[in-house]
Amino acid sequence: MKLLHIDSSPLAGNSVSRELTRRVVEQWRAAHPQAQVDYLDLAVDAPNHLNIDSLGFRMGVNAAGLSDVQRRENEISERLVSQFLAADVSVVGAPLYNFSIPTQLKAWIDRVAQAGRTFKYTDKGPVGLAAGKTVIVASSRGGV
């Protein structure tokens, strides 16, 4: 069993969402000691936001003719979606800043949401392709 632990708060040791994901992962590992944990800190290693070079994921033959920048952006997207698809369980730290998730978490979601890989379009709307996975979102928020 593989668990993907994702933190996105830039607050380091002052982050409530990081504390929550740490506890969730500890509890999961206590119940599933054989679980392998892969850690992704989006505050440290954030993917670029989608732009003209990264929009449109290209693999194999479709990758021919890409610029070096497009090839690097495509490799980032491929690494992130492959990491997500390889995990049986994902624990996502999602603090709320300015009524939304951190921008680096949104950039990760945009890289992982790939038609034909994690969802497909149907005549009734989008349908997920990552069935059988468990996703735990540890959400926190603060304020006055």
C-alpha atoms as a PDB file:
ATOM      1  CA  MET A   1       0.000   0.000   0.000  1.00  0.00           C
ATOM      2  CA  LYS A   2       1.273   3.457  -0.941  1.00  0.00           C
ATOM      3  CA  LEU A   3       0.295   6.669   0.817  1.00  0.00           C
ATOM      4  CA  LEU A   4       0.967  10.094  -0.662  1.00  0.00           C
ATOM      5  CA  HIS A   5       1.321  12.772   2.037  1.00  0.00           C
ATOM      6  CA  ILE A   6       0.920  16.302   0.629  1.00  0.00           C
ATOM      7  CA  ASP A   7       1.470  19.523   2.548  1.00  0.00           C
ATOM      8  CA  SER A   8       0.845  22.925   1.002  1.00  0.00           C
ATOM      9  CA  SER A   9       1.028  25.460   3.833  1.00  0.00           C
ATOM     10  CA  PRO A  10       4.001  27.823   3.705  1.00  0.00           C
ATOM     11  CA  LEU A  11       3.797  28.321   7.488  1.00  0.00           C
ATOM     12  CA  ALA A  12       6.224  25.476   8.335  1.00  0.00           C
ATOM     13  CA  GLY A  13       6.092  24.712  12.085  1.00  0.00           C
ATOM     14  CA  ASN A  14       3.239  27.186  12.627  1.00  0.00           C
ATOM     15  CA  SER A  15       0.903  25.338  10.266  1.00  0.00           C
ATOM     16  CA  VAL A  16      -2.221  23.695  11.647  1.00  0.00           C
ATOM     17  CA  SER A  17      -2.857  21.778   8.411  1.00  0.00           C
ATOM     18  CA  ARG A  18       0.665  20.292   8.550  1.00  0.00           C
ATOM     19  CA  GLU A  19      -0.012  19.126  12.098  1.00  0.00           C
ATOM     20  CA  LEU A  20      -3.294  17.583  10.957  1.00  0.00           C
ATOM     21  CA  THR A  21      -1.714  15.727   8.018  1.00  0.00           C
ATOM     22  CA  ARG A  22       1.104  14.493  10.266  1.00  0.00           C
ATOM     23  CA  ARG A  23      -1.432  13.062  12.708  1.00  0.00           C
ATOM     24  CA  VAL A  24      -3.544  11.480   9.964  1.00  0.00           C
ATOM     25  CA  VAL A  25      -0.473   9.836   8.418  1.00  0.00           C
ATOM     26  CA  GLU A  26       0.687   8.602  11.855  1.00  0.00           C
ATOM     27  CA  GLN A  27      -2.726   7.060  12.518  1.00  0.00           C
ATOM     28  CA  TRP A  28      -2.846   5.494   9.052  1.00  0.00           C
ATOM     29  CA  ARG A  29       0.617   3.994   9.497  1.00  0.00           C
ATOM     30  CA  ALA A  30      -0.317   2.658  12.941  1.00  0.00           C
ATOM     31  CA  ALA A  31      -3.290   0.865  11.369  1.00  0.00           C
ATOM     32  CA  HIS A  32      -1.334  -0.119   8.223  1.00  0.00           C
ATOM     33  CA  PRO A  33       2.326  -0.580   9.222  1.00  0.00           C
ATOM     34  CA  GLN A  34       3.231  -1.918   5.769  1.00  0.00           C
ATOM     35  CA  ALA A  35       2.235   1.368   4.100  1.00  0.00           C
ATOM     36  CA  GLN A  36       4.960   3.138   2.134  1.00  0.00           C
ATOM     37  CA  VAL A  37       4.783   6.922   2.495  1.00  0.00           C
ATOM     38  CA  ASP A  38       5.783   9.332  -0.243  1.00  0.00           C
ATOM     39  CA  TYR A  39       5.964  12.966   0.894  1.00  0.00           C
ATOM     40  CA  LEU A  40       5.348  16.045  -1.240  1.00  0.00           C
ATOM     41  CA  ASP A  41       5.829  19.520   0.226  1.00  0.00           C
ATOM     42  CA  LEU A  42       4.250  21.938  -2.226  1.00  0.00           C
ATOM     43  CA  ALA A  43       5.462  24.973  -0.278  1.00  0.00           C
ATOM     44  CA  VAL A  44       9.035  23.840  -0.961  1.00  0.00           C
ATOM     45  CA  ASP A  45       8.587  22.203  -4.374  1.00  0.00           C
ATOM     46  CA  ALA A  46       5.604  23.900  -6.007  1.00  0.00           C
ATOM     47  CA  PRO A  47       4.849  23.186  -9.648  1.00  0.00           C
ATOM     48  CA  ASN A  48       4.477  26.188 -11.932  1.00  0.00           C
ATOM     49  CA  HIS A  49       0.951  27.286 -12.666  1.00  0.00           C
ATOM     50  CA  LEU A  50      -0.393  26.212 -16.014  1.00  0.00           C
ATOM     51  CA  ASN A  51       0.642  28.460 -18.883  1.00  0.00           C
ATOM     52  CA  ILE A  52       1.068  28.155 -22.629  1.00  0.00           C
ATOM     53  CA  ASP A  53       4.093  25.867 -22.163  1.00  0.00           C
ATOM     54  CA  SER A  54       2.517  23.557 -19.598  1.00  0.00           C
ATOM     55  CA  LEU A  55      -1.108  23.504 -20.691  1.00  0.00           C
ATOM     56  CA  GLY A  56      -1.876  20.355 -22.593  1.00  0.00           C
ATOM     57  CA  PHE A  57      -0.178  17.192 -21.374  1.00  0.00           C
ATOM     58  CA  ARG A  58       1.726  15.367 -24.087  1.00  0.00           C
ATOM     59  CA  MET A  59       3.132  11.866 -23.914  1.00  0.00           C
ATOM     60  CA  GLY A  60       4.996   9.627 -26.350  1.00  0.00           C
ATOM     61  CA  VAL A  61       4.433  10.534 -29.993  1.00  0.00           C
ATOM     62  CA  ASN A  62       2.498  13.657 -28.976  1.00  0.00           C
ATOM     63  CA  ALA A  63       5.674  14.977 -27.310  1.00  0.00           C
ATOM     64  CA  ALA A  64       7.505  15.354 -30.643  1.00  0.00           C
ATOM     65  CA  GLY A  65       8.332  18.915 -31.542  1.00  0.00           C
ATOM     66  CA  LEU A  66       8.117  20.314 -28.014  1.00  0.00           C
ATOM     67  CA  SER A  67      10.495  23.054 -26.922  1.00  0.00           C
ATOM     68  CA  ASP A  68      12.876  22.369 -24.025  1.00  0.00           C
ATOM     69  CA  VAL A  69      10.629  24.413 -21.714  1.00  0.00           C
ATOM     70  CA  GLN A  70       7.517  22.508 -22.818  1.00  0.00           C
ATOM     71  CA  ARG A  71       9.334  19.199 -22.354  1.00  0.00           C
ATOM     72  CA  ARG A  72      10.374  20.145 -18.785  1.00  0.00           C
ATOM     73  CA  GLU A  73       6.848  21.303 -17.922  1.00  0.00           C
ATOM     74  CA  ASN A  74       5.432  18.083 -19.364  1.00  0.00           C
ATOM     75  CA  GLU A  75       7.878  16.040 -17.251  1.00  0.00           C
ATOM     76  CA  ILE A  76       6.692  17.852 -14.109  1.00  0.00           C
ATOM     77  CA  SER A  77       3.049  17.096 -14.924  1.00  0.00           C
ATOM     78  CA  GLU A  78       3.882  13.467 -15.700  1.00  0.00           C
ATOM     79  CA  ARG A  79       5.812  13.036 -12.440  1.00  0.00           C
ATOM     80  CA  LEU A  80       2.961  14.494 -10.370  1.00  0.00           C
ATOM     81  CA  VAL A  81       0.120  12.566 -12.007  1.00  0.00           C
ATOM     82  CA  SER A  82       2.125   9.310 -11.902  1.00  0.00           C
ATOM     83  CA  GLN A  83       2.872   9.866  -8.209  1.00  0.00           C
ATOM     84  CA  PHE A  84      -0.820  10.466  -7.492  1.00  0.00           C
ATOM     85  CA  LEU A  85      -1.988   7.462  -9.526  1.00  0.00           C
ATOM     86  CA  ALA A  86       0.569   5.173  -7.847  1.00  0.00           C
ATOM     87  CA  ALA A  87      -0.825   6.026  -4.393  1.00  0.00           C
ATOM     88  CA  ASP A  88      -3.655   4.059  -2.846  1.00  0.00           C
ATOM     89  CA  VAL A  89      -4.232   6.790  -0.264  1.00  0.00           C
ATOM     90  CA  SER A  90      -3.573  10.523  -0.483  1.00  0.00           C
ATOM     91  CA  VAL A  91      -3.537  12.793   2.568  1.00  0.00           C
ATOM     92  CA  VAL A  92      -3.788  16.413   1.453  1.00  0.00           C
ATOM     93  CA  GLY A  93      -3.162  19.382   3.735  1.00  0.00           C
ATOM     94  CA  ALA A  94      -5.467  22.146   2.527  1.00  0.00           C
ATOM     95  CA  PRO A  95      -5.424  25.301   4.626  1.00  0.00           C
ATOM     96  CA  LEU A  96      -7.723  28.123   3.594  1.00  0.00           C
ATOM     97  CA  TYR A  97      -6.148  31.466   2.733  1.00  0.00           C
ATOM     98  CA  ASN A  98      -8.292  34.325   1.450  1.00  0.00           C
ATOM     99  CA  PHE A  99     -11.292  31.980   1.110  1.00  0.00           C
ATOM    100  CA  SER A 100      -9.410  29.454  -1.025  1.00  0.00           C
ATOM    101  CA  ILE A 101      -6.669  26.844  -0.956  1.00  0.00           C
ATOM    102  CA  PRO A 102      -3.015  27.867  -1.342  1.00  0.00           C
ATOM    103  CA  THR A 103      -2.000  28.654  -4.888  1.00  0.00           C
ATOM    104  CA  GLN A 104       0.628  25.894  -4.891  1.00  0.00           C
ATOM    105  CA  LEU A 105      -2.060  23.293  -4.074  1.00  0.00           C
ATOM    106  CA  LYS A 106      -4.205  24.623  -6.923  1.00  0.00           C
ATOM    107  CA  ALA A 107      -1.196  24.315  -9.256  1.00  0.00           C
ATOM    108  CA  TRP A 108      -0.774  20.664  -8.168  1.00  0.00           C
ATOM    109  CA  ILE A 109      -4.478  19.937  -8.762  1.00  0.00           C
ATOM    110  CA  ASP A 110      -4.246  21.497 -12.221  1.00  0.00           C
ATOM    111  CA  ARG A 111      -1.264  19.248 -13.050  1.00  0.00           C
ATOM    112  CA  VAL A 112      -2.984  16.088 -11.750  1.00  0.00           C
ATOM    113  CA  ALA A 113      -6.390  16.712 -13.350  1.00  0.00           C
ATOM    114  CA  GLN A 114      -5.659  15.215 -16.770  1.00  0.00           C
ATOM    115  CA  ALA A 115      -8.305  14.111 -19.236  1.00  0.00           C
ATOM    116  CA  GLY A 116      -7.779  10.463 -20.061  1.00  0.00           C
ATOM    117  CA  ARG A 117      -5.643   9.866 -16.963  1.00  0.00           C
ATOM    118  CA  THR A 118      -7.578  10.979 -13.884  1.00  0.00           C
ATOM    119  CA  PHE A 119     -10.941  11.786 -15.522  1.00  0.00           C
ATOM    120  CA  LYS A 120     -12.740  11.523 -18.836  1.00  0.00           C
ATOM    121  CA  TYR A 121     -15.435  13.523 -20.528  1.00  0.00           C
ATOM    122  CA  THR A 122     -18.760  11.814 -21.226  1.00  0.00           C
ATOM    123  CA  ASP A 123     -22.099  12.957 -22.603  1.00  0.00           C
ATOM    124  CA  LYS A 124     -23.228  13.314 -18.974  1.00  0.00           C
ATOM    125  CA  GLY A 125     -20.189  15.334 -17.894  1.00  0.00           C
ATOM    126  CA  PRO A 126     -16.758  14.453 -16.470  1.00  0.00           C
ATOM    127  CA  VAL A 127     -16.247  11.044 -14.831  1.00  0.00           C
ATOM    128  CA  GLY A 128     -13.348  10.168 -12.540  1.00  0.00           C
ATOM    129  CA  LEU A 129     -10.845   7.496 -13.562  1.00  0.00           C
ATOM    130  CA  ALA A 130      -8.998   7.159 -10.255  1.00  0.00           C
ATOM    131  CA  ALA A 131     -11.558   4.858  -8.619  1.00  0.00           C
ATOM    132  CA  GLY A 132     -10.666   2.824  -5.569  1.00  0.00           C
ATOM    133  CA  LYS A 133      -8.410   5.461  -4.057  1.00  0.00           C
ATOM    134  CA  THR A 134      -8.852   7.092  -0.669  1.00  0.00           C
ATOM    135  CA  VAL A 135      -8.301  10.834  -0.429  1.00  0.00           C
ATOM    136  CA  ILE A 136      -8.255  12.473   2.994  1.00  0.00           C
ATOM    137  CA  VAL A 137      -8.329  16.259   2.991  1.00  0.00           C
ATOM    138  CA  ALA A 138      -7.085  17.866   6.199  1.00  0.00           C
ATOM    139  CA  SER A 139      -8.511  21.360   5.995  1.00  0.00           C
ATOM    140  CA  SER A 140      -7.792  24.180   8.406  1.00  0.00           C
ATOM    141  CA  ARG A 141      -8.714  27.822   8.595  1.00  0.00           C
ATOM    142  CA  GLY A 142      -8.079  30.664  10.934  1.00  0.00           C
ATOM    143  CA  GLY A 143      -8.812  34.302  11.279  1.00  0.00           C
ATOM    144  CA  VAL A 144     -10.003  36.745  13.838  1.00  0.00           C
END
